[in-house]
N, C-alpha and C. Protein backbone atom coordinates (compact mmCIF):
# COMPACT_ATOMS: atom_id res chain seq x y z
N MET A 1 155.19 35.39 58.13
CA MET A 1 153.75 35.54 58.29
C MET A 1 153.16 36.20 57.05
N LYS A 2 152.06 35.65 56.57
CA LYS A 2 151.39 36.23 55.41
C LYS A 2 150.45 37.34 55.85
N VAL A 3 150.36 38.38 55.05
CA VAL A 3 149.50 39.52 55.35
C VAL A 3 148.05 39.17 54.98
N LEU A 4 147.13 39.42 55.91
CA LEU A 4 145.72 39.20 55.66
C LEU A 4 145.04 40.51 55.27
N GLY A 5 144.05 40.41 54.40
CA GLY A 5 143.23 41.56 54.06
C GLY A 5 141.85 41.38 54.64
N LEU A 6 141.41 42.28 55.50
CA LEU A 6 140.11 42.19 56.16
C LEU A 6 139.17 43.24 55.60
N ILE A 7 137.98 42.81 55.20
CA ILE A 7 136.94 43.77 54.83
C ILE A 7 135.96 43.81 56.00
N GLY A 8 135.97 44.94 56.70
CA GLY A 8 135.16 45.10 57.89
C GLY A 8 134.13 46.20 57.75
N GLY A 9 133.63 46.62 58.90
CA GLY A 9 132.59 47.65 58.90
C GLY A 9 131.20 47.09 58.70
N ILE A 10 131.11 45.75 58.67
CA ILE A 10 129.83 45.10 58.36
C ILE A 10 129.49 44.06 59.44
N SER A 11 129.45 44.47 60.71
CA SER A 11 129.54 45.82 61.25
C SER A 11 130.91 46.08 61.86
N TRP A 12 131.16 47.33 62.23
CA TRP A 12 132.42 47.68 62.87
C TRP A 12 132.57 46.98 64.22
N VAL A 13 131.42 46.71 64.86
CA VAL A 13 131.45 46.11 66.20
C VAL A 13 132.11 44.74 66.15
N SER A 14 131.70 43.90 65.19
CA SER A 14 132.31 42.58 65.09
C SER A 14 133.69 42.64 64.47
N THR A 15 133.97 43.67 63.67
CA THR A 15 135.32 43.84 63.11
C THR A 15 136.34 44.03 64.22
N VAL A 16 135.94 44.72 65.27
CA VAL A 16 136.81 44.89 66.43
C VAL A 16 137.16 43.53 67.02
N ASP A 17 136.16 42.63 67.10
CA ASP A 17 136.41 41.29 67.63
C ASP A 17 137.37 40.52 66.74
N TYR A 18 137.21 40.64 65.42
CA TYR A 18 138.15 39.99 64.51
C TYR A 18 139.57 40.46 64.78
N TYR A 19 139.76 41.75 64.88
CA TYR A 19 141.11 42.29 65.08
C TYR A 19 141.71 41.79 66.39
N ARG A 20 140.89 41.78 67.44
CA ARG A 20 141.36 41.28 68.74
C ARG A 20 141.70 39.80 68.67
N LEU A 21 140.81 38.99 68.10
CA LEU A 21 141.02 37.55 68.03
C LEU A 21 142.25 37.19 67.19
N LEU A 22 142.46 37.90 66.09
CA LEU A 22 143.61 37.63 65.24
C LEU A 22 144.92 37.95 65.96
N ASN A 23 144.93 39.07 66.64
CA ASN A 23 146.15 39.44 67.37
C ASN A 23 146.41 38.52 68.55
N GLU A 24 145.37 38.20 69.30
CA GLU A 24 145.54 37.30 70.44
C GLU A 24 145.97 35.92 69.98
N GLY A 25 145.38 35.46 68.88
CA GLY A 25 145.69 34.13 68.38
C GLY A 25 147.12 33.99 67.90
N VAL A 26 147.60 34.99 67.18
CA VAL A 26 148.99 34.96 66.71
C VAL A 26 149.95 35.03 67.88
N ASN A 27 149.65 35.89 68.85
CA ASN A 27 150.54 36.02 70.00
C ASN A 27 150.58 34.74 70.83
N LYS A 28 149.45 34.05 70.92
CA LYS A 28 149.41 32.79 71.66
C LYS A 28 150.30 31.75 71.01
N LYS A 29 150.34 31.75 69.67
CA LYS A 29 151.14 30.76 68.96
C LYS A 29 152.62 31.12 68.89
N LEU A 30 152.93 32.42 68.73
CA LEU A 30 154.31 32.82 68.50
C LEU A 30 154.97 33.48 69.71
N GLY A 31 154.15 33.99 70.63
CA GLY A 31 154.72 34.60 71.83
C GLY A 31 155.40 35.92 71.59
N SER A 32 156.18 36.36 72.58
CA SER A 32 156.93 37.63 72.53
C SER A 32 155.99 38.76 72.12
N ASN A 33 156.43 39.57 71.17
CA ASN A 33 155.60 40.69 70.70
C ASN A 33 155.10 40.44 69.28
N ASN A 34 154.83 39.17 68.98
CA ASN A 34 154.29 38.82 67.66
C ASN A 34 152.79 39.04 67.61
N PHE A 35 152.34 39.76 66.57
CA PHE A 35 150.92 40.00 66.35
C PHE A 35 150.62 39.91 64.86
N ILE A 36 149.35 39.92 64.52
CA ILE A 36 148.92 39.74 63.14
C ILE A 36 149.42 40.87 62.24
N GLU A 37 149.75 40.52 61.02
CA GLU A 37 150.04 41.50 59.99
C GLU A 37 148.82 41.55 59.08
N CYS A 38 148.15 42.68 59.02
CA CYS A 38 146.90 42.74 58.25
C CYS A 38 146.63 44.15 57.75
N LEU A 39 145.78 44.19 56.75
CA LEU A 39 145.23 45.44 56.23
C LEU A 39 143.72 45.36 56.45
N ILE A 40 143.12 46.45 56.89
CA ILE A 40 141.67 46.48 57.12
C ILE A 40 141.04 47.57 56.25
N TYR A 41 140.05 47.18 55.46
CA TYR A 41 139.25 48.14 54.71
C TYR A 41 137.86 48.13 55.35
N SER A 42 137.55 49.18 56.08
CA SER A 42 136.30 49.23 56.82
C SER A 42 135.26 50.02 56.04
N LEU A 43 134.22 49.33 55.62
CA LEU A 43 133.15 49.95 54.83
C LEU A 43 132.20 50.75 55.72
N ASN A 44 131.55 51.72 55.11
CA ASN A 44 130.47 52.45 55.78
C ASN A 44 129.20 51.64 55.61
N PHE A 45 128.74 51.00 56.68
CA PHE A 45 127.62 50.08 56.56
C PHE A 45 126.35 50.75 56.07
N GLN A 46 126.21 52.05 56.30
CA GLN A 46 124.99 52.72 55.84
C GLN A 46 124.83 52.59 54.33
N LYS A 47 125.95 52.64 53.60
CA LYS A 47 125.86 52.50 52.14
C LYS A 47 125.35 51.12 51.75
N ILE A 48 125.79 50.11 52.48
CA ILE A 48 125.29 48.75 52.21
C ILE A 48 123.81 48.67 52.59
N ARG A 49 123.46 49.24 53.74
CA ARG A 49 122.06 49.22 54.18
C ARG A 49 121.16 49.91 53.15
N ASP A 50 121.64 51.01 52.57
CA ASP A 50 120.85 51.70 51.54
C ASP A 50 120.58 50.80 50.35
N HIS A 51 121.60 50.04 49.94
CA HIS A 51 121.43 49.13 48.80
C HIS A 51 120.50 47.98 49.16
N LEU A 52 120.55 47.50 50.40
CA LEU A 52 119.63 46.45 50.82
C LEU A 52 118.20 46.95 50.84
N ASP A 53 118.03 48.18 51.29
CA ASP A 53 116.69 48.75 51.33
C ASP A 53 116.16 49.08 49.94
N ASN A 54 117.06 49.17 48.96
CA ASN A 54 116.69 49.44 47.57
C ASN A 54 116.54 48.12 46.81
N ASN A 55 115.53 47.34 47.21
CA ASN A 55 115.23 46.07 46.55
C ASN A 55 116.40 45.09 46.59
N ASN A 56 117.13 45.09 47.70
CA ASN A 56 118.27 44.16 47.85
C ASN A 56 119.20 44.23 46.64
N ASP A 57 119.76 45.39 46.42
CA ASP A 57 120.63 45.62 45.27
C ASP A 57 122.01 45.01 45.53
N TRP A 58 122.10 43.70 45.38
CA TRP A 58 123.35 43.00 45.64
C TRP A 58 124.43 43.32 44.61
N ALA A 59 124.02 43.71 43.42
CA ALA A 59 125.01 44.07 42.40
C ALA A 59 125.82 45.28 42.85
N ALA A 60 125.16 46.25 43.44
CA ALA A 60 125.86 47.44 43.93
C ALA A 60 126.74 47.09 45.13
N ILE A 61 126.24 46.21 45.99
CA ILE A 61 127.03 45.79 47.15
C ILE A 61 128.27 45.02 46.69
N THR A 62 128.08 44.16 45.72
CA THR A 62 129.21 43.41 45.17
C THR A 62 130.28 44.34 44.64
N LYS A 63 129.86 45.38 43.93
CA LYS A 63 130.81 46.35 43.38
C LYS A 63 131.61 47.01 44.49
N MET A 64 130.95 47.38 45.59
CA MET A 64 131.63 47.99 46.73
C MET A 64 132.69 47.06 47.31
N ILE A 65 132.30 45.81 47.51
CA ILE A 65 133.20 44.86 48.15
C ILE A 65 134.35 44.47 47.23
N VAL A 66 134.07 44.37 45.94
CA VAL A 66 135.15 44.08 44.97
C VAL A 66 136.19 45.20 44.99
N GLU A 67 135.74 46.44 45.02
CA GLU A 67 136.67 47.58 45.06
C GLU A 67 137.53 47.53 46.33
N ALA A 68 136.90 47.22 47.45
CA ALA A 68 137.64 47.12 48.72
C ALA A 68 138.66 45.98 48.65
N ALA A 69 138.24 44.86 48.10
CA ALA A 69 139.12 43.69 48.00
C ALA A 69 140.33 43.99 47.12
N LYS A 70 140.12 44.70 46.04
CA LYS A 70 141.23 45.03 45.14
C LYS A 70 142.22 45.97 45.82
N HIS A 71 141.72 46.89 46.64
CA HIS A 71 142.62 47.75 47.41
C HIS A 71 143.51 46.90 48.32
N LEU A 72 142.91 45.93 48.98
CA LEU A 72 143.67 45.07 49.89
C LEU A 72 144.66 44.19 49.13
N GLU A 73 144.21 43.65 48.00
CA GLU A 73 145.10 42.82 47.18
C GLU A 73 146.28 43.64 46.68
N ASN A 74 146.01 44.83 46.19
CA ASN A 74 147.08 45.70 45.69
C ASN A 74 148.00 46.16 46.81
N GLY A 75 147.48 46.17 48.04
CA GLY A 75 148.28 46.57 49.19
C GLY A 75 149.17 45.46 49.73
N GLY A 76 149.04 44.27 49.17
CA GLY A 76 149.91 43.17 49.58
C GLY A 76 149.25 42.05 50.34
N ALA A 77 147.93 42.09 50.51
CA ALA A 77 147.24 41.00 51.21
C ALA A 77 147.36 39.71 50.42
N LYS A 78 147.56 38.60 51.13
CA LYS A 78 147.72 37.29 50.50
C LYS A 78 146.47 36.43 50.61
N ALA A 79 145.51 36.87 51.39
CA ALA A 79 144.22 36.19 51.49
C ALA A 79 143.20 37.19 52.00
N LEU A 80 141.93 36.94 51.69
CA LEU A 80 140.87 37.88 52.04
C LEU A 80 139.97 37.29 53.11
N VAL A 81 139.64 38.11 54.10
CA VAL A 81 138.72 37.74 55.17
C VAL A 81 137.54 38.70 55.14
N LEU A 82 136.36 38.20 54.78
CA LEU A 82 135.15 39.01 54.83
C LEU A 82 134.61 38.91 56.25
N CYS A 83 134.63 40.02 56.98
CA CYS A 83 134.31 39.99 58.41
C CYS A 83 132.81 40.07 58.66
N ALA A 84 132.07 39.20 58.00
CA ALA A 84 130.62 39.09 58.18
C ALA A 84 130.16 37.84 57.45
N ASN A 85 129.17 37.17 58.01
CA ASN A 85 128.61 36.00 57.33
C ASN A 85 127.84 36.38 56.07
N THR A 86 126.97 37.39 56.19
CA THR A 86 126.08 37.74 55.10
C THR A 86 126.84 38.14 53.84
N SER A 87 127.98 38.80 53.99
CA SER A 87 128.74 39.25 52.82
C SER A 87 129.27 38.08 52.00
N HIS A 88 129.30 36.87 52.59
CA HIS A 88 129.74 35.70 51.82
C HIS A 88 128.73 35.31 50.75
N TYR A 89 127.58 35.95 50.74
CA TYR A 89 126.60 35.72 49.68
C TYR A 89 127.22 36.04 48.31
N ILE A 90 128.14 37.00 48.29
CA ILE A 90 128.74 37.39 47.01
C ILE A 90 130.17 36.85 46.87
N ALA A 91 130.54 35.91 47.73
CA ALA A 91 131.92 35.40 47.74
C ALA A 91 132.33 34.78 46.40
N GLU A 92 131.43 34.03 45.77
CA GLU A 92 131.79 33.39 44.51
C GLU A 92 132.02 34.42 43.41
N ASP A 93 131.20 35.45 43.36
CA ASP A 93 131.39 36.52 42.37
C ASP A 93 132.67 37.29 42.68
N LEU A 94 132.92 37.52 43.94
CA LEU A 94 134.13 38.23 44.35
C LEU A 94 135.39 37.46 43.96
N ALA A 95 135.35 36.15 44.15
CA ALA A 95 136.52 35.31 43.86
C ALA A 95 136.94 35.42 42.40
N LYS A 96 136.00 35.71 41.52
CA LYS A 96 136.31 35.83 40.09
C LYS A 96 137.05 37.12 39.76
N GLU A 97 137.02 38.09 40.70
CA GLU A 97 137.58 39.41 40.44
C GLU A 97 138.95 39.63 41.07
N ILE A 98 139.38 38.69 41.92
CA ILE A 98 140.67 38.85 42.60
C ILE A 98 141.49 37.58 42.45
N ALA A 99 142.78 37.71 42.66
CA ALA A 99 143.68 36.56 42.49
C ALA A 99 144.02 35.87 43.81
N ILE A 100 143.70 36.51 44.93
CA ILE A 100 144.02 35.92 46.24
C ILE A 100 142.82 35.11 46.75
N PRO A 101 143.07 34.09 47.57
CA PRO A 101 141.97 33.25 48.07
C PRO A 101 141.11 33.97 49.10
N ILE A 102 139.86 33.53 49.18
CA ILE A 102 138.94 34.00 50.22
C ILE A 102 138.80 32.89 51.25
N ILE A 103 139.06 33.21 52.49
CA ILE A 103 138.88 32.23 53.58
C ILE A 103 137.39 32.24 53.92
N HIS A 104 136.67 31.19 53.54
CA HIS A 104 135.21 31.19 53.59
C HIS A 104 134.69 30.76 54.96
N ILE A 105 133.89 31.59 55.54
CA ILE A 105 133.41 31.37 56.90
C ILE A 105 132.53 30.13 57.03
N ALA A 106 131.70 29.85 56.02
CA ALA A 106 130.81 28.70 56.09
C ALA A 106 131.57 27.39 55.90
N THR A 107 132.57 27.40 55.02
CA THR A 107 133.40 26.22 54.82
C THR A 107 134.12 25.84 56.11
N GLU A 108 134.67 26.85 56.77
CA GLU A 108 135.39 26.59 58.02
C GLU A 108 134.44 26.13 59.12
N THR A 109 133.23 26.67 59.13
CA THR A 109 132.24 26.25 60.13
C THR A 109 131.83 24.80 59.91
N ALA A 110 131.65 24.40 58.66
CA ALA A 110 131.30 23.02 58.35
C ALA A 110 132.37 22.06 58.85
N LEU A 111 133.63 22.44 58.70
CA LEU A 111 134.73 21.60 59.18
C LEU A 111 134.66 21.41 60.69
N GLU A 112 134.34 22.49 61.40
CA GLU A 112 134.26 22.41 62.87
C GLU A 112 133.08 21.55 63.31
N ILE A 113 131.97 21.64 62.60
CA ILE A 113 130.80 20.82 62.94
C ILE A 113 131.11 19.35 62.70
N ASN A 114 131.82 19.06 61.61
CA ASN A 114 132.19 17.68 61.32
C ASN A 114 133.08 17.09 62.40
N LYS A 115 133.92 17.92 63.00
CA LYS A 115 134.78 17.44 64.08
C LYS A 115 133.95 16.94 65.26
N LYS A 116 132.76 17.55 65.43
CA LYS A 116 131.87 17.15 66.52
C LYS A 116 130.95 15.99 66.10
N LYS A 117 131.03 15.61 64.81
CA LYS A 117 130.22 14.52 64.25
C LYS A 117 128.72 14.78 64.38
N LEU A 118 128.33 16.04 64.20
CA LEU A 118 126.92 16.40 64.25
C LEU A 118 126.32 16.32 62.86
N LYS A 119 125.04 15.95 62.79
CA LYS A 119 124.39 15.79 61.49
C LYS A 119 123.23 16.76 61.27
N LYS A 120 122.82 17.47 62.33
CA LYS A 120 121.71 18.41 62.18
C LYS A 120 121.95 19.60 63.09
N VAL A 121 121.98 20.79 62.51
CA VAL A 121 122.28 21.99 63.30
C VAL A 121 121.29 23.10 62.98
N GLY A 122 121.12 23.98 63.95
CA GLY A 122 120.29 25.16 63.77
C GLY A 122 121.15 26.34 63.36
N LEU A 123 120.66 27.10 62.40
CA LEU A 123 121.40 28.25 61.89
C LEU A 123 120.66 29.55 62.23
N LEU A 124 121.38 30.48 62.87
CA LEU A 124 120.85 31.80 63.17
C LEU A 124 121.69 32.84 62.44
N GLY A 125 121.06 33.96 62.06
CA GLY A 125 121.78 35.02 61.36
C GLY A 125 120.82 36.03 60.79
N THR A 126 121.27 36.81 59.84
CA THR A 126 120.37 37.71 59.13
C THR A 126 119.41 36.87 58.29
N LYS A 127 118.37 37.48 57.80
CA LYS A 127 117.41 36.71 56.99
C LYS A 127 118.08 36.20 55.72
N PHE A 128 119.09 36.92 55.22
CA PHE A 128 119.79 36.45 54.03
C PHE A 128 120.57 35.18 54.33
N THR A 129 121.26 35.15 55.45
CA THR A 129 122.04 33.97 55.82
C THR A 129 121.13 32.79 56.10
N MET A 130 119.99 33.04 56.73
CA MET A 130 119.08 31.95 57.07
C MET A 130 118.28 31.46 55.87
N GLN A 131 117.86 32.37 54.99
CA GLN A 131 116.94 31.99 53.92
C GLN A 131 117.62 31.71 52.58
N TYR A 132 118.75 32.36 52.32
CA TYR A 132 119.49 32.06 51.09
C TYR A 132 120.28 30.76 51.29
N ASP A 133 120.84 30.25 50.21
CA ASP A 133 121.52 28.96 50.26
C ASP A 133 123.04 29.04 50.39
N PHE A 134 123.63 30.23 50.27
CA PHE A 134 125.08 30.34 50.18
C PHE A 134 125.81 29.77 51.40
N PHE A 135 125.23 29.91 52.58
CA PHE A 135 125.85 29.37 53.79
C PHE A 135 125.45 27.90 53.98
N LYS A 136 124.17 27.62 53.85
CA LYS A 136 123.67 26.26 54.07
C LYS A 136 124.29 25.26 53.11
N ASP A 137 124.53 25.68 51.87
CA ASP A 137 125.09 24.76 50.87
C ASP A 137 126.45 24.20 51.29
N LYS A 138 127.26 25.04 51.94
CA LYS A 138 128.59 24.58 52.38
C LYS A 138 128.47 23.48 53.43
N LEU A 139 127.39 23.51 54.19
CA LEU A 139 127.17 22.48 55.21
C LEU A 139 126.54 21.23 54.61
N THR A 140 125.55 21.41 53.74
CA THR A 140 124.91 20.24 53.14
C THR A 140 125.89 19.45 52.29
N GLU A 141 126.88 20.14 51.71
CA GLU A 141 127.92 19.44 50.96
C GLU A 141 128.70 18.48 51.84
N GLN A 142 128.70 18.76 53.15
CA GLN A 142 129.42 17.92 54.11
C GLN A 142 128.47 16.97 54.85
N GLY A 143 127.23 16.84 54.33
CA GLY A 143 126.28 15.92 54.93
C GLY A 143 125.62 16.42 56.18
N ILE A 144 125.61 17.75 56.36
CA ILE A 144 125.03 18.35 57.57
C ILE A 144 123.68 18.99 57.22
N GLU A 145 122.63 18.56 57.90
CA GLU A 145 121.31 19.14 57.70
C GLU A 145 121.21 20.45 58.48
N VAL A 146 120.62 21.45 57.85
CA VAL A 146 120.52 22.78 58.47
C VAL A 146 119.05 23.16 58.62
N ILE A 147 118.69 23.60 59.82
CA ILE A 147 117.33 24.11 60.04
C ILE A 147 117.42 25.53 60.56
N ILE A 148 116.37 26.30 60.30
CA ILE A 148 116.29 27.69 60.74
C ILE A 148 114.96 27.89 61.47
N PRO A 149 114.79 29.00 62.19
CA PRO A 149 113.50 29.25 62.85
C PRO A 149 112.36 29.15 61.83
N LYS A 150 111.28 28.49 62.23
CA LYS A 150 110.20 28.24 61.28
C LYS A 150 109.21 29.39 61.16
N HIS A 151 109.26 30.33 62.11
CA HIS A 151 108.30 31.45 62.07
C HIS A 151 108.95 32.67 61.42
N LEU A 152 108.30 33.20 60.41
CA LEU A 152 108.83 34.35 59.69
C LEU A 152 109.04 35.54 60.61
N GLU A 153 108.17 35.72 61.59
CA GLU A 153 108.33 36.86 62.50
C GLU A 153 109.61 36.74 63.33
N ASP A 154 110.01 35.51 63.64
CA ASP A 154 111.27 35.31 64.36
C ASP A 154 112.46 35.66 63.47
N ILE A 155 112.40 35.25 62.22
CA ILE A 155 113.48 35.56 61.27
C ILE A 155 113.61 37.06 61.09
N GLU A 156 112.49 37.74 60.94
CA GLU A 156 112.51 39.20 60.77
C GLU A 156 113.01 39.88 62.03
N PHE A 157 112.60 39.37 63.19
CA PHE A 157 113.04 39.97 64.45
C PHE A 157 114.56 39.87 64.58
N MET A 158 115.10 38.69 64.31
CA MET A 158 116.55 38.52 64.43
C MET A 158 117.28 39.41 63.42
N HIS A 159 116.79 39.44 62.21
CA HIS A 159 117.42 40.27 61.17
C HIS A 159 117.45 41.73 61.58
N ASN A 160 116.31 42.23 62.02
CA ASN A 160 116.21 43.65 62.36
C ASN A 160 117.04 44.01 63.60
N THR A 161 117.07 43.13 64.58
CA THR A 161 117.84 43.45 65.79
C THR A 161 119.34 43.33 65.53
N ILE A 162 119.74 42.47 64.61
CA ILE A 162 121.16 42.41 64.24
C ILE A 162 121.58 43.74 63.62
N LEU A 163 120.75 44.27 62.72
CA LEU A 163 121.11 45.51 62.04
C LEU A 163 120.95 46.74 62.93
N ASP A 164 119.86 46.78 63.67
CA ASP A 164 119.52 48.02 64.39
C ASP A 164 119.98 48.05 65.84
N GLU A 165 120.36 46.90 66.41
CA GLU A 165 120.84 46.86 67.79
C GLU A 165 122.28 46.36 67.86
N LEU A 166 122.49 45.10 67.56
CA LEU A 166 123.82 44.50 67.74
C LEU A 166 124.87 45.18 66.88
N GLY A 167 124.51 45.53 65.66
CA GLY A 167 125.46 46.20 64.77
C GLY A 167 125.87 47.58 65.24
N LYS A 168 125.15 48.09 66.23
CA LYS A 168 125.49 49.38 66.83
C LYS A 168 126.03 49.21 68.26
N GLY A 169 126.20 47.96 68.66
CA GLY A 169 126.69 47.70 70.01
C GLY A 169 125.63 47.79 71.08
N ILE A 170 124.36 47.74 70.68
CA ILE A 170 123.25 47.83 71.63
C ILE A 170 122.82 46.44 72.05
N ILE A 171 122.86 46.15 73.36
CA ILE A 171 122.50 44.85 73.88
C ILE A 171 121.28 44.99 74.78
N LYS A 172 120.21 44.24 74.47
CA LYS A 172 118.98 44.31 75.26
C LYS A 172 118.63 42.92 75.80
N ASP A 173 118.22 42.88 77.06
CA ASP A 173 117.84 41.61 77.68
C ASP A 173 116.68 40.97 76.95
N ALA A 174 115.72 41.77 76.51
CA ALA A 174 114.54 41.23 75.82
C ALA A 174 114.94 40.56 74.50
N THR A 175 115.91 41.13 73.83
CA THR A 175 116.40 40.54 72.58
C THR A 175 117.10 39.21 72.86
N ARG A 176 117.92 39.19 73.91
CA ARG A 176 118.60 37.95 74.28
C ARG A 176 117.59 36.84 74.58
N GLU A 177 116.55 37.18 75.32
CA GLU A 177 115.54 36.17 75.67
C GLU A 177 114.82 35.65 74.44
N ARG A 178 114.54 36.52 73.49
CA ARG A 178 113.88 36.08 72.25
C ARG A 178 114.80 35.15 71.47
N TYR A 179 116.09 35.47 71.42
CA TYR A 179 117.05 34.62 70.73
C TYR A 179 117.12 33.25 71.40
N LEU A 180 117.18 33.23 72.73
CA LEU A 180 117.26 31.97 73.46
C LEU A 180 116.00 31.13 73.24
N ASN A 181 114.87 31.77 73.09
CA ASN A 181 113.63 31.05 72.81
C ASN A 181 113.69 30.40 71.43
N MET A 182 114.26 31.10 70.46
CA MET A 182 114.42 30.52 69.11
C MET A 182 115.35 29.31 69.16
N ILE A 183 116.42 29.44 69.93
CA ILE A 183 117.37 28.33 70.07
C ILE A 183 116.67 27.12 70.70
N SER A 184 115.84 27.36 71.69
CA SER A 184 115.11 26.28 72.34
C SER A 184 114.18 25.58 71.35
N GLN A 185 113.54 26.36 70.49
CA GLN A 185 112.65 25.78 69.49
C GLN A 185 113.44 24.93 68.49
N LEU A 186 114.62 25.39 68.10
CA LEU A 186 115.44 24.62 67.17
C LEU A 186 115.90 23.31 67.82
N GLU A 187 116.19 23.36 69.11
CA GLU A 187 116.57 22.14 69.83
C GLU A 187 115.40 21.16 69.85
N ASP A 188 114.19 21.68 70.05
CA ASP A 188 113.00 20.83 70.05
C ASP A 188 112.79 20.16 68.69
N GLU A 189 113.27 20.82 67.63
CA GLU A 189 113.12 20.29 66.27
C GLU A 189 114.28 19.36 65.87
N GLY A 190 115.16 19.09 66.83
CA GLY A 190 116.21 18.12 66.57
C GLY A 190 117.59 18.66 66.33
N ALA A 191 117.78 19.97 66.48
CA ALA A 191 119.12 20.53 66.29
C ALA A 191 120.08 19.97 67.33
N GLU A 192 121.23 19.52 66.87
CA GLU A 192 122.26 18.97 67.75
C GLU A 192 123.30 20.02 68.13
N GLY A 193 123.25 21.13 67.44
CA GLY A 193 124.16 22.24 67.70
C GLY A 193 123.57 23.51 67.12
N ILE A 194 124.13 24.65 67.51
CA ILE A 194 123.63 25.95 67.05
C ILE A 194 124.78 26.75 66.43
N ILE A 195 124.53 27.28 65.25
CA ILE A 195 125.51 28.13 64.58
C ILE A 195 125.13 29.59 64.80
N ALA A 196 126.04 30.35 65.39
CA ALA A 196 125.89 31.80 65.45
C ALA A 196 126.34 32.33 64.09
N GLY A 197 125.42 32.28 63.12
CA GLY A 197 125.75 32.58 61.73
C GLY A 197 125.71 34.05 61.40
N CYS A 198 125.97 34.85 62.38
CA CYS A 198 126.16 36.29 62.19
C CYS A 198 127.24 36.69 63.18
N THR A 199 128.20 37.46 62.73
CA THR A 199 129.33 37.79 63.60
C THR A 199 128.95 38.66 64.78
N GLU A 200 127.71 39.19 64.77
CA GLU A 200 127.25 39.99 65.92
C GLU A 200 126.55 39.15 67.00
N ILE A 201 126.05 37.98 66.64
CA ILE A 201 125.28 37.18 67.60
C ILE A 201 126.08 36.84 68.86
N PRO A 202 127.39 36.52 68.76
CA PRO A 202 128.15 36.24 69.99
C PRO A 202 128.24 37.43 70.94
N LEU A 203 127.86 38.61 70.49
CA LEU A 203 127.83 39.75 71.39
C LEU A 203 126.73 39.61 72.44
N ILE A 204 125.72 38.80 72.10
CA ILE A 204 124.55 38.70 72.99
C ILE A 204 124.30 37.28 73.49
N ILE A 205 124.79 36.28 72.76
CA ILE A 205 124.65 34.88 73.17
C ILE A 205 126.03 34.24 73.16
N ASN A 206 126.42 33.62 74.27
CA ASN A 206 127.68 32.89 74.29
C ASN A 206 127.41 31.43 74.62
N LYS A 207 128.44 30.61 74.56
CA LYS A 207 128.26 29.16 74.70
C LYS A 207 127.72 28.77 76.06
N GLU A 208 127.96 29.59 77.08
CA GLU A 208 127.47 29.27 78.42
C GLU A 208 125.96 29.46 78.53
N ASP A 209 125.36 30.15 77.55
CA ASP A 209 123.92 30.43 77.61
C ASP A 209 123.07 29.26 77.15
N ILE A 210 123.67 28.29 76.45
CA ILE A 210 122.89 27.19 75.90
C ILE A 210 123.55 25.85 76.23
N SER A 211 122.77 24.79 76.13
CA SER A 211 123.27 23.45 76.47
C SER A 211 123.86 22.73 75.26
N LEU A 212 123.53 23.17 74.05
CA LEU A 212 124.01 22.51 72.83
C LEU A 212 125.40 23.02 72.44
N PRO A 213 126.14 22.25 71.66
CA PRO A 213 127.39 22.79 71.09
C PRO A 213 127.10 24.07 70.33
N TYR A 214 127.94 25.06 70.52
CA TYR A 214 127.71 26.40 69.97
C TYR A 214 128.86 26.78 69.05
N PHE A 215 128.55 27.10 67.82
CA PHE A 215 129.56 27.39 66.83
C PHE A 215 129.60 28.90 66.55
N ASP A 216 130.57 29.53 67.18
CA ASP A 216 130.78 30.97 67.05
C ASP A 216 131.57 31.21 65.77
N THR A 217 130.90 31.64 64.72
CA THR A 217 131.56 31.75 63.41
C THR A 217 132.67 32.79 63.39
N THR A 218 132.58 33.80 64.23
CA THR A 218 133.65 34.80 64.30
C THR A 218 134.95 34.14 64.76
N LYS A 219 134.86 33.36 65.83
CA LYS A 219 136.05 32.69 66.36
C LYS A 219 136.57 31.62 65.39
N ILE A 220 135.65 30.89 64.78
CA ILE A 220 136.05 29.86 63.82
C ILE A 220 136.76 30.49 62.63
N HIS A 221 136.22 31.57 62.14
CA HIS A 221 136.79 32.26 60.98
C HIS A 221 138.16 32.84 61.31
N ALA A 222 138.26 33.46 62.47
CA ALA A 222 139.54 34.05 62.89
C ALA A 222 140.60 32.97 63.05
N LYS A 223 140.23 31.83 63.61
CA LYS A 223 141.18 30.72 63.78
C LYS A 223 141.71 30.25 62.43
N ALA A 224 140.81 30.14 61.45
CA ALA A 224 141.22 29.71 60.11
C ALA A 224 142.14 30.74 59.46
N ALA A 225 141.84 32.01 59.68
CA ALA A 225 142.66 33.08 59.12
C ALA A 225 144.06 33.06 59.73
N ILE A 226 144.14 32.82 61.02
CA ILE A 226 145.44 32.72 61.69
C ILE A 226 146.25 31.54 61.11
N ASN A 227 145.56 30.43 60.91
CA ASN A 227 146.24 29.25 60.35
C ASN A 227 146.82 29.56 58.97
N PHE A 228 146.05 30.29 58.15
CA PHE A 228 146.56 30.66 56.83
C PHE A 228 147.76 31.59 56.95
N ALA A 229 147.63 32.59 57.81
CA ALA A 229 148.70 33.58 57.95
C ALA A 229 150.02 32.93 58.37
N LEU A 230 149.93 31.94 59.24
CA LEU A 230 151.13 31.33 59.79
C LEU A 230 151.61 30.12 58.99
N ASN A 231 150.67 29.41 58.37
CA ASN A 231 151.03 28.16 57.69
C ASN A 231 150.74 28.12 56.20
N GLY A 232 149.87 29.00 55.72
CA GLY A 232 149.54 29.00 54.30
C GLY A 232 148.53 27.92 53.96
């Protein structure tokens, strides 16, 4: 089994899910007392939030994540798992600084969508994931059209509740209802599936809540990481 390096803490709540899914997945495949071999570098999210609030200082955030990645690489990790969708914004810059591969969450999500033969999907996440191109580009490269909520207030609401509620483990019925309303609007605009493009969104919305195919990026990412660990 290859050792995985996980960069977590962004948020710690979803990092817990990664650790659980990786261990459960390996045990399901290998049985007995087999579990994942991994190193976890858990960042203090407040430091990242400070840089975001400081004119979106991605250069400083990149430096933090590069340092964490190098610790994991030096510790023996054979591949890197960024335990958040938004952090993949700096994945290309990060890849230039380390010698081990990055298991990219958007690439793996595109593969899963292609298996369903869908051509148009709705993307939910932080405002960076929804409005920047780093996630969407991986899907458009595979011929998948991506749409996001059309109202800026909806984008801001989702972004803020991800950071200030879900990232702290706070679940509110009113937030769930607002999310479901956004999903309904995306369906009306032709979305054939919905991407939970933030690792915290599955904390509040699961596949039973909606009628469309639902792509839980945390589970998709963890599955790909398990495949690498066991098969390379």
